[in-house]
C-alpha atoms as a PDB file:
ATOM      1  CA  PRO A   1      52.714  92.425   9.384  1.00  0.00           C
ATOM      2  CA  SER A   2      49.322  92.803  10.986  1.00  0.00           C
ATOM      3  CA  HIS A   3      48.859  94.886  14.109  1.00  0.00           C
ATOM      4  CA  TYR A   4      47.908  91.698  15.964  1.00  0.00           C
ATOM      5  CA  LEU A   5      51.234  90.025  15.091  1.00  0.00           C
ATOM      6  CA  GLN A   6      53.149  93.187  16.020  1.00  0.00           C
ATOM      7  CA  THR A   7      51.560  93.224  19.470  1.00  0.00           C
ATOM      8  CA  CYS A   8      52.139  89.491  19.980  1.00  0.00           C
ATOM      9  CA  CYS A   9      55.826  89.568  19.107  1.00  0.00           C
ATOM     10  CA  PRO A  10      57.540  92.918  18.505  1.00  0.00           C
ATOM     11  CA  ALA A  11      60.863  91.101  18.040  1.00  0.00           C
ATOM     12  CA  CYS A  12      59.624  89.254  14.944  1.00  0.00           C
ATOM     13  CA  PHE A  13      56.980  91.612  13.592  1.00  0.00           C
ATOM     14  CA  GLY A  14      57.849  95.003  15.126  1.00  0.00           C
ATOM     15  CA  ASP A  15      59.301  96.731  12.050  1.00  0.00           C
ATOM     16  CA  THR A  16      56.921  99.226  10.517  1.00  0.00           C
ATOM     17  CA  LYS A  17      58.133  98.250   7.041  1.00  0.00           C
ATOM     18  CA  PRO A  18      59.063  94.613   6.439  1.00  0.00           C
ATOM     19  CA  ILE A  19      62.467  93.861   4.946  1.00  0.00           C
ATOM     20  CA  LEU A  20      61.295  91.633   2.114  1.00  0.00           C
ATOM     21  CA  ASP A  21      64.705  90.430   0.931  1.00  0.00           C
ATOM     22  CA  ASN A  22      65.312  88.916   4.381  1.00  0.00           C
ATOM     23  CA  ALA A  23      61.695  88.025   5.169  1.00  0.00           C
ATOM     24  CA  HIS A  24      61.397  84.996   7.414  1.00  0.00           C
ATOM     25  CA  VAL A  25      59.728  83.896  10.601  1.00  0.00           C
ATOM     26  CA  LEU A  26      61.313  81.495  13.060  1.00  0.00           C
ATOM     27  CA  VAL A  27      58.925  79.403  15.091  1.00  0.00           C
ATOM     28  CA  CYS A  28      59.151  76.616  17.631  1.00  0.00           C
ATOM     29  CA  LEU A  29      56.447  73.966  17.737  1.00  0.00           C
ATOM     30  CA  ASP A  30      56.208  71.701  20.760  1.00  0.00           C
ATOM     31  CA  ALA A  31      53.686  68.960  21.452  1.00  0.00           C
ATOM     32  CA  ASN A  32      53.210  67.153  24.730  1.00  0.00           C
ATOM     33  CA  PHE A  33      50.943  64.130  24.999  1.00  0.00           C
ATOM     34  CA  THR A  34      52.590  62.590  28.067  1.00  0.00           C
ATOM     35  CA  GLN A  35      50.307  64.195  30.634  1.00  0.00           C
ATOM     36  CA  LYS A  36      47.666  61.794  31.926  1.00  0.00           C
ATOM     37  CA  CYS A  37      44.805  62.477  34.301  1.00  0.00           C
ATOM     38  CA  LEU A  38      42.250  59.989  35.576  1.00  0.00           C
ATOM     39  CA  GLN A  39      38.747  60.374  34.160  1.00  0.00           C
ATOM     40  CA  GLY A  40      36.461  62.109  36.645  1.00  0.00           C
ATOM     41  CA  LYS A  41      39.369  63.753  38.494  1.00  0.00           C
ATOM     42  CA  TYR A  42      40.383  66.061  35.673  1.00  0.00           C
ATOM     43  CA  ASN A  43      40.063  69.798  36.188  1.00  0.00           C
ATOM     44  CA  ASP A  44      40.847  71.888  33.109  1.00  0.00           C
ATOM     45  CA  PRO A  45      43.259  74.658  34.169  1.00  0.00           C
ATOM     46  CA  THR A  46      42.430  78.272  33.399  1.00  0.00           C
ATOM     47  CA  LEU A  47      44.219  79.763  30.400  1.00  0.00           C
ATOM     48  CA  VAL A  48      47.048  81.984  31.551  1.00  0.00           C
ATOM     49  CA  HIS A  49      47.759  83.867  28.322  1.00  0.00           C
ATOM     50  CA  PRO A  50      44.873  86.091  27.187  1.00  0.00           C
ATOM     51  CA  GLN A  51      45.569  85.545  23.473  1.00  0.00           C
ATOM     52  CA  SER A  52      45.784  81.754  23.583  1.00  0.00           C
ATOM     53  CA  LEU A  53      43.857  80.005  20.854  1.00  0.00           C
ATOM     54  CA  PHE A  54      42.371  76.536  21.031  1.00  0.00           C
ATOM     55  CA  ILE A  55      40.889  75.071  17.860  1.00  0.00           C
ATOM     56  CA  LEU A  56      37.499  73.409  18.230  1.00  0.00           C
ATOM     57  CA  GLU A  57      37.630  69.652  17.672  1.00  0.00           C
ATOM     58  CA  ALA A  58      35.052  69.849  14.858  1.00  0.00           C
ATOM     59  CA  ASP A  59      37.199  72.455  13.059  1.00  0.00           C
ATOM     60  CA  LEU A  60      40.293  70.309  13.551  1.00  0.00           C
ATOM     61  CA  ARG A  61      38.571  67.253  12.029  1.00  0.00           C
ATOM     62  CA  ARG A  62      37.406  69.351   9.052  1.00  0.00           C
ATOM     63  CA  MET A  63      40.988  70.609   8.506  1.00  0.00           C
ATOM     64  CA  GLU A  64      42.358  67.059   8.707  1.00  0.00           C
ATOM     65  CA  ASP A  65      39.813  65.872   6.122  1.00  0.00           C
ATOM     66  CA  THR A  66      40.729  68.759   3.807  1.00  0.00           C
ATOM     67  CA  VAL A  67      44.458  68.022   4.043  1.00  0.00           C
ATOM     68  CA  GLU A  68      43.925  64.300   3.446  1.00  0.00           C
ATOM     69  CA  SER A  69      41.721  64.953   0.394  1.00  0.00           C
ATOM     70  CA  ILE A  70      44.305  67.313  -1.124  1.00  0.00           C
ATOM     71  CA  ARG A  71      47.234  65.054  -0.300  1.00  0.00           C
ATOM     72  CA  GLY A  72      45.950  62.258  -2.519  1.00  0.00           C
ATOM     73  CA  LYS A  73      47.254  58.732  -2.799  1.00  0.00           C
ATOM     74  CA  LYS A  74      50.952  57.976  -2.720  1.00  0.00           C
ATOM     75  CA  THR A  75      51.799  56.098  -5.895  1.00  0.00           C
ATOM     76  CA  GLY A  76      54.860  55.240  -7.882  1.00  0.00           C
ATOM     77  CA  PRO A  77      58.353  54.290  -6.794  1.00  0.00           C
ATOM     78  CA  LYS A  78      60.219  56.474  -4.354  1.00  0.00           C
ATOM     79  CA  LEU A  79      63.224  58.306  -5.706  1.00  0.00           C
ATOM     80  CA  LYS A  80      66.479  57.233  -4.113  1.00  0.00           C
ATOM     81  CA  MET A  81      68.504  60.168  -2.855  1.00  0.00           C
ATOM     82  CA  LYS A  82      72.264  60.024  -2.568  1.00  0.00           C
ATOM     83  CA  THR A  83      73.184  60.679   1.076  1.00  0.00           C
ATOM     84  CA  GLU A  84      76.431  60.725   2.972  1.00  0.00           C
ATOM     85  CA  LEU A  85      75.034  58.378   5.617  1.00  0.00           C
ATOM     86  CA  PRO A  86      74.656  54.663   4.942  1.00  0.00           C
ATOM     87  CA  ASP A  87      71.077  53.463   4.454  1.00  0.00           C
ATOM     88  CA  GLU A  88      71.421  51.212   7.529  1.00  0.00           C
ATOM     89  CA  VAL A  89      71.987  54.254   9.779  1.00  0.00           C
ATOM     90  CA  LEU A  90      68.962  56.039   8.356  1.00  0.00           C
ATOM     91  CA  ASP A  91      66.829  52.896   8.684  1.00  0.00           C
ATOM     92  CA  GLU A  92      67.757  52.506  12.371  1.00  0.00           C
ATOM     93  CA  CYS A  93      66.965  56.168  13.001  1.00  0.00           C
ATOM     94  CA  GLU A  94      63.562  55.762  11.361  1.00  0.00           C
ATOM     95  CA  LYS A  95      62.816  52.611  13.398  1.00  0.00           C
ATOM     96  CA  SER A  96      63.687  54.363  16.665  1.00  0.00           C
ATOM     97  CA  PHE A  97      61.246  57.205  15.995  1.00  0.00           C
ATOM     98  CA  ILE A  98      57.692  56.536  17.142  1.00  0.00           C
ATOM     99  CA  ALA A  99      55.158  59.266  16.555  1.00  0.00           C
ATOM    100  CA  VAL A 100      53.261  60.452  19.592  1.00  0.00           C
ATOM    101  CA  GLN A 101      49.922  59.629  18.000  1.00  0.00           C
ATOM    102  CA  GLU A 102      50.873  55.953  17.950  1.00  0.00           C
ATOM    103  CA  LYS A 103      51.520  56.047  21.702  1.00  0.00           C
ATOM    104  CA  ILE A 104      48.178  57.679  22.432  1.00  0.00           C
ATOM    105  CA  ALA A 105      46.344  54.611  21.142  1.00  0.00           C
ATOM    106  CA  LYS A 106      48.164  52.522  23.766  1.00  0.00           C
ATOM    107  CA  VAL A 107      46.670  54.545  26.632  1.00  0.00           C
ATOM    108  CA  SER A 108      43.202  53.626  27.834  1.00  0.00           C
ATOM    109  CA  SER A 109      40.737  56.382  26.969  1.00  0.00           C
ATOM    110  CA  LYS A 110      38.307  54.858  29.468  1.00  0.00           C
ATOM    111  CA  LEU A 111      40.665  55.501  32.385  1.00  0.00           C
ATOM    112  CA  TYR A 112      42.490  58.653  31.280  1.00  0.00           C
ATOM    113  CA  VAL A 113      41.582  62.000  29.763  1.00  0.00           C
ATOM    114  CA  ASN A 114      43.477  62.954  26.595  1.00  0.00           C
ATOM    115  CA  THR A 115      45.417  66.050  27.635  1.00  0.00           C
ATOM    116  CA  GLY A 116      47.664  66.633  24.619  1.00  0.00           C
ATOM    117  CA  LEU A 117      48.739  70.214  24.052  1.00  0.00           C
ATOM    118  CA  VAL A 118      50.644  71.848  21.202  1.00  0.00           C
ATOM    119  CA  ALA A 119      52.325  75.241  21.524  1.00  0.00           C
ATOM    120  CA  LEU A 120      53.654  77.473  18.757  1.00  0.00           C
ATOM    121  CA  SER A 121      56.069  80.246  19.709  1.00  0.00           C
ATOM    122  CA  CYS A 122      58.022  82.629  17.548  1.00  0.00           C
END
């Protein structure tokens, strides 16, 4: 592991020689788009952690475009997998899940500032 990773998380990357037969990294990814602030009254808080990284919006858009171009079109029939749960249970679970991005569109961008934040921790 790089020196940077070793200093960020000695628990995950602290070994001087990686154990390759057990090599893995456990991470937690959390996104929060529920915070809303009125336009004009928003004050961006100071970063607390000195090694925090925020991706520029232009870079993010470029990465999204790259992923979408590589992903290609979805074609052909889906393969049916044999599961232990009935299809009805899985269908209800899928219906109950609404991605956060869909909710963002329902919030007025003229009244509120978009304050979504994603954190990745090992």
